[in-house]
Amino acid sequence: MMTVTIYHNPQCGTSRNTLELIRNTGVEPEIIEYLINPPSRSKLVELIAAMNIPVRDLLRKKGTPYDELNLDDPNLTDATLIDFMLAHPILINRPIVETPLGTKLCRPSELVLDILPLPQLKEFTKEDGEKVINTEGRRVSM
């Protein structure tokens, strides 16, 4: 059975759009509301490695204590930044999606299309009105 997991914040439009693009393939993903159930240190490290991104690229600035914690300090180590993300899960950018084809930070939401193993089933328009999938289930050119 194919497993798709989304680290989701239901208050985030990008996260909601990503979830709906996953569901538009006919798959109901495992939904982890990471603000309620944050990943363990080992899982967070695993996700970062799977995305092949620097730890700093996973830090969210807007609407977080990023500035108050002085997280722009270049002397902070990856381990320290991960400590802050675990202590303040709102610092983890979202949504993160894991599929059999890879793991990706899906900002913008249509990046999830690159790692979904199944095709889109129908037309899809994001909450802001931007059409992403046409009536034939194909990605709209950007």
C-alpha atoms as a PDB file:
ATOM      1  CA  MET A   1       0.000   0.000   0.000  1.00  0.00           C
ATOM      2  CA  MET A   2       1.250   3.475  -0.876  1.00  0.00           C
ATOM      3  CA  THR A   3       1.817   5.794   2.062  1.00  0.00           C
ATOM      4  CA  VAL A   4       1.790   9.557   1.779  1.00  0.00           C
ATOM      5  CA  THR A   5       2.411  11.635   4.890  1.00  0.00           C
ATOM      6  CA  ILE A   6       1.912  15.367   5.269  1.00  0.00           C
ATOM      7  CA  TYR A   7       3.233  17.433   8.157  1.00  0.00           C
ATOM      8  CA  HIS A   8       0.320  19.811   8.189  1.00  0.00           C
ATOM      9  CA  ASN A   9      -0.877  23.030   9.768  1.00  0.00           C
ATOM     10  CA  PRO A  10      -4.614  23.394   9.102  1.00  0.00           C
ATOM     11  CA  GLN A  11      -4.331  27.163   9.664  1.00  0.00           C
ATOM     12  CA  CYS A  12      -1.955  27.501   6.686  1.00  0.00           C
ATOM     13  CA  GLY A  13      -3.406  27.989   3.194  1.00  0.00           C
ATOM     14  CA  THR A  14      -0.348  26.476   1.509  1.00  0.00           C
ATOM     15  CA  SER A  15      -0.676  23.411   3.708  1.00  0.00           C
ATOM     16  CA  ARG A  16      -4.409  23.108   2.996  1.00  0.00           C
ATOM     17  CA  ASN A  17      -3.824  23.413  -0.766  1.00  0.00           C
ATOM     18  CA  THR A  18      -1.097  20.761  -0.610  1.00  0.00           C
ATOM     19  CA  LEU A  19      -3.378  18.401   1.305  1.00  0.00           C
ATOM     20  CA  GLU A  20      -6.108  18.849  -1.300  1.00  0.00           C
ATOM     21  CA  LEU A  21      -3.674  18.196  -4.164  1.00  0.00           C
ATOM     22  CA  ILE A  22      -2.734  14.917  -2.463  1.00  0.00           C
ATOM     23  CA  ARG A  23      -6.394  14.014  -2.027  1.00  0.00           C
ATOM     24  CA  ASN A  24      -6.988  14.932  -5.697  1.00  0.00           C
ATOM     25  CA  THR A  25      -5.043  11.752  -6.563  1.00  0.00           C
ATOM     26  CA  GLY A  26      -7.536   9.611  -4.637  1.00  0.00           C
ATOM     27  CA  VAL A  27      -5.122   9.089  -1.733  1.00  0.00           C
ATOM     28  CA  GLU A  28      -5.981   9.945   1.855  1.00  0.00           C
ATOM     29  CA  PRO A  29      -2.616  10.769   3.422  1.00  0.00           C
ATOM     30  CA  GLU A  30      -1.472  10.303   6.967  1.00  0.00           C
ATOM     31  CA  ILE A  31      -1.905  13.794   8.396  1.00  0.00           C
ATOM     32  CA  ILE A  32       0.441  14.850  11.163  1.00  0.00           C
ATOM     33  CA  GLU A  33      -0.496  18.166  12.708  1.00  0.00           C
ATOM     34  CA  TYR A  34       3.077  18.919  13.659  1.00  0.00           C
ATOM     35  CA  LEU A  35       2.177  21.793  15.982  1.00  0.00           C
ATOM     36  CA  ILE A  36       0.273  19.282  18.150  1.00  0.00           C
ATOM     37  CA  ASN A  37       2.499  16.243  17.484  1.00  0.00           C
ATOM     38  CA  PRO A  38       5.944  17.520  16.497  1.00  0.00           C
ATOM     39  CA  PRO A  39       8.405  15.063  14.985  1.00  0.00           C
ATOM     40  CA  SER A  40      11.093  13.565  17.183  1.00  0.00           C
ATOM     41  CA  ARG A  41      14.635  14.806  16.775  1.00  0.00           C
ATOM     42  CA  SER A  42      15.563  11.715  14.772  1.00  0.00           C
ATOM     43  CA  LYS A  43      12.533  12.108  12.490  1.00  0.00           C
ATOM     44  CA  LEU A  44      13.215  15.808  11.926  1.00  0.00           C
ATOM     45  CA  VAL A  45      16.839  15.049  11.052  1.00  0.00           C
ATOM     46  CA  GLU A  46      15.634  12.269   8.732  1.00  0.00           C
ATOM     47  CA  LEU A  47      13.184  14.620   6.982  1.00  0.00           C
ATOM     48  CA  ILE A  48      15.847  17.294   6.478  1.00  0.00           C
ATOM     49  CA  ALA A  49      18.257  14.719   5.046  1.00  0.00           C
ATOM     50  CA  ALA A  50      15.557  13.286   2.753  1.00  0.00           C
ATOM     51  CA  MET A  51      14.733  16.774   1.447  1.00  0.00           C
ATOM     52  CA  ASN A  52      18.462  17.386   0.925  1.00  0.00           C
ATOM     53  CA  ILE A  53      18.183  20.958   2.173  1.00  0.00           C
ATOM     54  CA  PRO A  54      20.191  22.952   4.697  1.00  0.00           C
ATOM     55  CA  VAL A  55      18.624  23.059   8.163  1.00  0.00           C
ATOM     56  CA  ARG A  56      18.215  26.835   7.842  1.00  0.00           C
ATOM     57  CA  ASP A  57      16.005  26.345   4.776  1.00  0.00           C
ATOM     58  CA  LEU A  58      13.421  24.628   6.973  1.00  0.00           C
ATOM     59  CA  LEU A  59      13.175  27.531   9.425  1.00  0.00           C
ATOM     60  CA  ARG A  60      10.017  29.592   9.176  1.00  0.00           C
ATOM     61  CA  LYS A  61      10.387  33.277   9.985  1.00  0.00           C
ATOM     62  CA  LYS A  62       6.920  34.789   9.521  1.00  0.00           C
ATOM     63  CA  GLY A  63       4.646  34.442  12.534  1.00  0.00           C
ATOM     64  CA  THR A  64       7.297  32.747  14.665  1.00  0.00           C
ATOM     65  CA  PRO A  65       9.785  33.693  17.405  1.00  0.00           C
ATOM     66  CA  TYR A  66      12.609  33.582  14.805  1.00  0.00           C
ATOM     67  CA  ASP A  67      13.711  37.190  15.360  1.00  0.00           C
ATOM     68  CA  GLU A  68      13.299  37.128  19.137  1.00  0.00           C
ATOM     69  CA  LEU A  69      15.484  34.002  19.299  1.00  0.00           C
ATOM     70  CA  ASN A  70      18.126  35.605  17.024  1.00  0.00           C
ATOM     71  CA  LEU A  71      18.056  32.596  14.719  1.00  0.00           C
ATOM     72  CA  ASP A  72      19.711  34.575  11.944  1.00  0.00           C
ATOM     73  CA  ASP A  73      22.969  34.302  13.920  1.00  0.00           C
ATOM     74  CA  PRO A  74      25.343  32.517  11.489  1.00  0.00           C
ATOM     75  CA  ASN A  75      27.228  30.977  14.429  1.00  0.00           C
ATOM     76  CA  LEU A  76      24.271  28.773  15.404  1.00  0.00           C
ATOM     77  CA  THR A  77      24.918  25.147  14.520  1.00  0.00           C
ATOM     78  CA  ASP A  78      22.479  22.868  12.735  1.00  0.00           C
ATOM     79  CA  ALA A  79      22.014  20.946  15.985  1.00  0.00           C
ATOM     80  CA  THR A  80      21.126  24.148  17.815  1.00  0.00           C
ATOM     81  CA  LEU A  81      18.672  25.190  15.115  1.00  0.00           C
ATOM     82  CA  ILE A  82      17.032  21.757  15.326  1.00  0.00           C
ATOM     83  CA  ASP A  83      16.807  22.191  19.118  1.00  0.00           C
ATOM     84  CA  PHE A  84      14.917  25.450  18.567  1.00  0.00           C
ATOM     85  CA  MET A  85      12.560  23.808  16.035  1.00  0.00           C
ATOM     86  CA  LEU A  86      11.793  21.043  18.504  1.00  0.00           C
ATOM     87  CA  ALA A  87      11.215  23.542  21.316  1.00  0.00           C
ATOM     88  CA  HIS A  88       9.101  25.789  19.033  1.00  0.00           C
ATOM     89  CA  PRO A  89       7.501  23.619  16.292  1.00  0.00           C
ATOM     90  CA  ILE A  90       6.015  26.764  14.685  1.00  0.00           C
ATOM     91  CA  LEU A  91       9.586  27.365  13.442  1.00  0.00           C
ATOM     92  CA  ILE A  92       9.313  24.293  11.187  1.00  0.00           C
ATOM     93  CA  ASN A  93       8.265  25.440   7.737  1.00  0.00           C
ATOM     94  CA  ARG A  94       5.382  23.577   6.186  1.00  0.00           C
ATOM     95  CA  PRO A  95       4.015  21.533   4.656  1.00  0.00           C
ATOM     96  CA  ILE A  96       6.482  18.693   4.423  1.00  0.00           C
ATOM     97  CA  VAL A  97       5.266  15.733   2.373  1.00  0.00           C
ATOM     98  CA  GLU A  98       6.745  12.221   2.273  1.00  0.00           C
ATOM     99  CA  THR A  99       5.819   9.834  -0.556  1.00  0.00           C
ATOM    100  CA  PRO A 100       7.447   6.777  -2.128  1.00  0.00           C
ATOM    101  CA  LEU A 101       8.937   9.194  -4.704  1.00  0.00           C
ATOM    102  CA  GLY A 102      10.578  11.523  -2.203  1.00  0.00           C
ATOM    103  CA  THR A 103      10.242  14.089   0.559  1.00  0.00           C
ATOM    104  CA  LYS A 104       9.731  17.763  -0.105  1.00  0.00           C
ATOM    105  CA  LEU A 105       8.949  21.073   1.546  1.00  0.00           C
ATOM    106  CA  CYS A 106       5.947  22.015  -0.579  1.00  0.00           C
ATOM    107  CA  ARG A 107       6.116  25.804  -0.789  1.00  0.00           C
ATOM    108  CA  PRO A 108       4.450  26.591  -3.117  1.00  0.00           C
ATOM    109  CA  SER A 109       1.871  23.831  -2.751  1.00  0.00           C
ATOM    110  CA  GLU A 110       2.152  22.629  -6.356  1.00  0.00           C
ATOM    111  CA  LEU A 111       5.669  21.335  -5.615  1.00  0.00           C
ATOM    112  CA  VAL A 112       3.899  18.290  -4.189  1.00  0.00           C
ATOM    113  CA  LEU A 113       3.021  17.289  -7.767  1.00  0.00           C
ATOM    114  CA  ASP A 114       6.683  16.365  -8.326  1.00  0.00           C
ATOM    115  CA  ILE A 115       6.541  13.583  -5.720  1.00  0.00           C
ATOM    116  CA  LEU A 116       2.993  12.245  -6.020  1.00  0.00           C
ATOM    117  CA  PRO A 117       3.009   8.737  -7.498  1.00  0.00           C
ATOM    118  CA  LEU A 118      -0.561   8.978  -8.818  1.00  0.00           C
ATOM    119  CA  PRO A 119      -2.025  11.453 -11.311  1.00  0.00           C
ATOM    120  CA  GLN A 120      -4.466  14.220 -10.475  1.00  0.00           C
ATOM    121  CA  LEU A 121      -8.053  13.080 -10.960  1.00  0.00           C
ATOM    122  CA  LYS A 122      -9.784  16.374 -11.664  1.00  0.00           C
ATOM    123  CA  GLU A 123      -9.424  20.106 -11.966  1.00  0.00           C
ATOM    124  CA  PHE A 124      -7.921  21.918  -8.975  1.00  0.00           C
ATOM    125  CA  THR A 125      -7.841  25.597  -8.079  1.00  0.00           C
ATOM    126  CA  LYS A 126      -5.984  26.894  -5.031  1.00  0.00           C
ATOM    127  CA  GLU A 127      -7.774  28.862  -2.326  1.00  0.00           C
ATOM    128  CA  ASP A 128      -6.458  32.117  -3.813  1.00  0.00           C
ATOM    129  CA  GLY A 129      -8.100  31.337  -7.161  1.00  0.00           C
ATOM    130  CA  GLU A 130      -4.954  30.188  -8.992  1.00  0.00           C
ATOM    131  CA  LYS A 131      -5.724  27.229 -11.243  1.00  0.00           C
ATOM    132  CA  VAL A 132      -3.129  24.465 -10.815  1.00  0.00           C
ATOM    133  CA  ILE A 133      -4.739  21.444 -12.528  1.00  0.00           C
ATOM    134  CA  ASN A 134      -6.874  21.695 -15.660  1.00  0.00           C
ATOM    135  CA  THR A 135     -10.048  19.726 -16.476  1.00  0.00           C
ATOM    136  CA  GLU A 136      -7.949  16.905 -17.991  1.00  0.00           C
ATOM    137  CA  GLY A 137      -6.057  16.480 -14.692  1.00  0.00           C
ATOM    138  CA  ARG A 138      -2.871  18.058 -16.070  1.00  0.00           C
ATOM    139  CA  ARG A 139      -0.712  20.705 -14.451  1.00  0.00           C
ATOM    140  CA  VAL A 140      -1.354  24.188 -15.759  1.00  0.00           C
ATOM    141  CA  SER A 141       1.783  25.833 -17.163  1.00  0.00           C
ATOM    142  CA  MET A 142       3.187  28.596 -15.043  1.00  0.00           C
END
